[in-house]
Amino acid sequence: MAIEKEKTNNAAELRTDAETQVATQAIATESLNGQDVKRLHHELQIHQVELEMQNEMLTLTKLDLEATRGRYLPL
């Protein structure tokens, strides 16, 4: 239960830090033209796919780790 609370706190802190960074960068986005917006949208789409692929790899690695742990640490 303490681990879940720690994860929640870390997620909340991460969100707060991200919002602070975005707020400081928001002023720069006001001067973007249509081409810049299209380029940024494309970059965000690519980044999202990369993150999804990384998440899938992490999930598979976690499953492998759990399977390996099960072989060496019987319940």
C-alpha atoms as a PDB file:
ATOM      1  CA  MET A   1       0.000   0.000   0.000  1.00  0.00           C
ATOM      2  CA  ALA A   2       2.884   2.372   0.756  1.00  0.00           C
ATOM      3  CA  ILE A   3       4.340   1.650  -2.670  1.00  0.00           C
ATOM      4  CA  GLU A   4       1.054   2.617  -4.340  1.00  0.00           C
ATOM      5  CA  LYS A   5       0.952   5.873  -2.377  1.00  0.00           C
ATOM      6  CA  GLU A   6       4.563   6.588  -3.374  1.00  0.00           C
ATOM      7  CA  LYS A   7       3.726   5.941  -7.039  1.00  0.00           C
ATOM      8  CA  THR A   8       0.764   8.272  -6.779  1.00  0.00           C
ATOM      9  CA  ASN A   9       2.912  10.984  -5.197  1.00  0.00           C
ATOM     10  CA  ASN A  10       5.591  10.529  -7.848  1.00  0.00           C
ATOM     11  CA  ALA A  11       2.989  10.725 -10.603  1.00  0.00           C
ATOM     12  CA  ALA A  12       1.502  13.859  -9.080  1.00  0.00           C
ATOM     13  CA  GLU A  13       4.938  15.457  -8.746  1.00  0.00           C
ATOM     14  CA  LEU A  14       5.797  14.487 -12.300  1.00  0.00           C
ATOM     15  CA  ARG A  15       2.543  16.020 -13.537  1.00  0.00           C
ATOM     16  CA  THR A  16       3.171  19.232 -11.589  1.00  0.00           C
ATOM     17  CA  ASP A  17       6.716  19.508 -12.931  1.00  0.00           C
ATOM     18  CA  ALA A  18       5.504  18.924 -16.483  1.00  0.00           C
ATOM     19  CA  GLU A  19       2.780  21.551 -16.134  1.00  0.00           C
ATOM     20  CA  THR A  20       5.339  24.048 -14.847  1.00  0.00           C
ATOM     21  CA  GLN A  21       7.618  23.406 -17.806  1.00  0.00           C
ATOM     22  CA  VAL A  22       4.737  23.713 -20.269  1.00  0.00           C
ATOM     23  CA  ALA A  23       3.618  26.982 -18.679  1.00  0.00           C
ATOM     24  CA  THR A  24       7.080  28.469 -19.121  1.00  0.00           C
ATOM     25  CA  GLN A  25       7.129  27.389 -22.762  1.00  0.00           C
ATOM     26  CA  ALA A  26       3.578  28.525 -23.549  1.00  0.00           C
ATOM     27  CA  ILE A  27       4.665  32.061 -24.349  1.00  0.00           C
ATOM     28  CA  ALA A  28       6.875  30.831 -27.198  1.00  0.00           C
ATOM     29  CA  THR A  29       4.002  28.942 -28.832  1.00  0.00           C
ATOM     30  CA  GLU A  30       1.980  32.107 -29.391  1.00  0.00           C
ATOM     31  CA  SER A  31       4.206  33.061 -32.328  1.00  0.00           C
ATOM     32  CA  LEU A  32       3.874  29.717 -34.172  1.00  0.00           C
ATOM     33  CA  ASN A  33       2.504  29.751 -37.694  1.00  0.00           C
ATOM     34  CA  GLY A  34       0.462  27.003 -39.372  1.00  0.00           C
ATOM     35  CA  GLN A  35       3.520  25.216 -40.759  1.00  0.00           C
ATOM     36  CA  ASP A  36       5.145  25.141 -37.322  1.00  0.00           C
ATOM     37  CA  VAL A  37       1.977  23.710 -35.808  1.00  0.00           C
ATOM     38  CA  LYS A  38       1.839  20.964 -38.453  1.00  0.00           C
ATOM     39  CA  ARG A  39       5.497  20.109 -37.862  1.00  0.00           C
ATOM     40  CA  LEU A  40       5.007  19.972 -34.094  1.00  0.00           C
ATOM     41  CA  HIS A  41       1.888  17.845 -34.467  1.00  0.00           C
ATOM     42  CA  HIS A  42       3.849  15.410 -36.626  1.00  0.00           C
ATOM     43  CA  GLU A  43       6.664  15.307 -34.075  1.00  0.00           C
ATOM     44  CA  LEU A  44       4.174  14.654 -31.271  1.00  0.00           C
ATOM     45  CA  GLN A  45       2.602  11.804 -33.229  1.00  0.00           C
ATOM     46  CA  ILE A  46       6.017  10.230 -33.772  1.00  0.00           C
ATOM     47  CA  HIS A  47       6.897  10.687 -30.105  1.00  0.00           C
ATOM     48  CA  GLN A  48       3.614   9.089 -29.051  1.00  0.00           C
ATOM     49  CA  VAL A  49       4.289   6.030 -31.216  1.00  0.00           C
ATOM     50  CA  GLU A  50       7.827   5.795 -29.834  1.00  0.00           C
ATOM     51  CA  LEU A  51       6.477   5.908 -26.270  1.00  0.00           C
ATOM     52  CA  GLU A  52       3.901   3.233 -27.054  1.00  0.00           C
ATOM     53  CA  MET A  53       6.642   1.022 -28.495  1.00  0.00           C
ATOM     54  CA  GLN A  54       8.845   1.613 -25.440  1.00  0.00           C
ATOM     55  CA  ASN A  55       5.922   0.812 -23.163  1.00  0.00           C
ATOM     56  CA  GLU A  56       5.325  -2.447 -25.013  1.00  0.00           C
ATOM     57  CA  MET A  57       9.007  -3.370 -24.730  1.00  0.00           C
ATOM     58  CA  LEU A  58       8.983  -2.561 -21.002  1.00  0.00           C
ATOM     59  CA  THR A  59       5.870  -4.664 -20.498  1.00  0.00           C
ATOM     60  CA  LEU A  60       7.481  -7.635 -22.282  1.00  0.00           C
ATOM     61  CA  THR A  61      10.674  -7.189 -20.264  1.00  0.00           C
ATOM     62  CA  LYS A  62       8.651  -7.098 -17.051  1.00  0.00           C
ATOM     63  CA  LEU A  63       6.889 -10.327 -18.013  1.00  0.00           C
ATOM     64  CA  ASP A  64      10.239 -11.968 -18.785  1.00  0.00           C
ATOM     65  CA  LEU A  65      11.621 -10.799 -15.447  1.00  0.00           C
ATOM     66  CA  GLU A  66       8.611 -12.173 -13.590  1.00  0.00           C
ATOM     67  CA  ALA A  67       8.931 -15.512 -15.393  1.00  0.00           C
ATOM     68  CA  THR A  68      12.652 -15.704 -14.609  1.00  0.00           C
ATOM     69  CA  ARG A  69      12.083 -14.725 -10.991  1.00  0.00           C
ATOM     70  CA  GLY A  70       9.468 -17.472 -10.743  1.00  0.00           C
ATOM     71  CA  ARG A  71      12.061 -20.061 -11.789  1.00  0.00           C
ATOM     72  CA  TYR A  72      14.569 -19.004  -9.165  1.00  0.00           C
ATOM     73  CA  LEU A  73      12.335 -17.879  -6.315  1.00  0.00           C
ATOM     74  CA  PRO A  74       9.581 -20.419  -5.787  1.00  0.00           C
ATOM     75  CA  LEU A  75       6.573 -19.246  -3.800  1.00  0.00           C
END
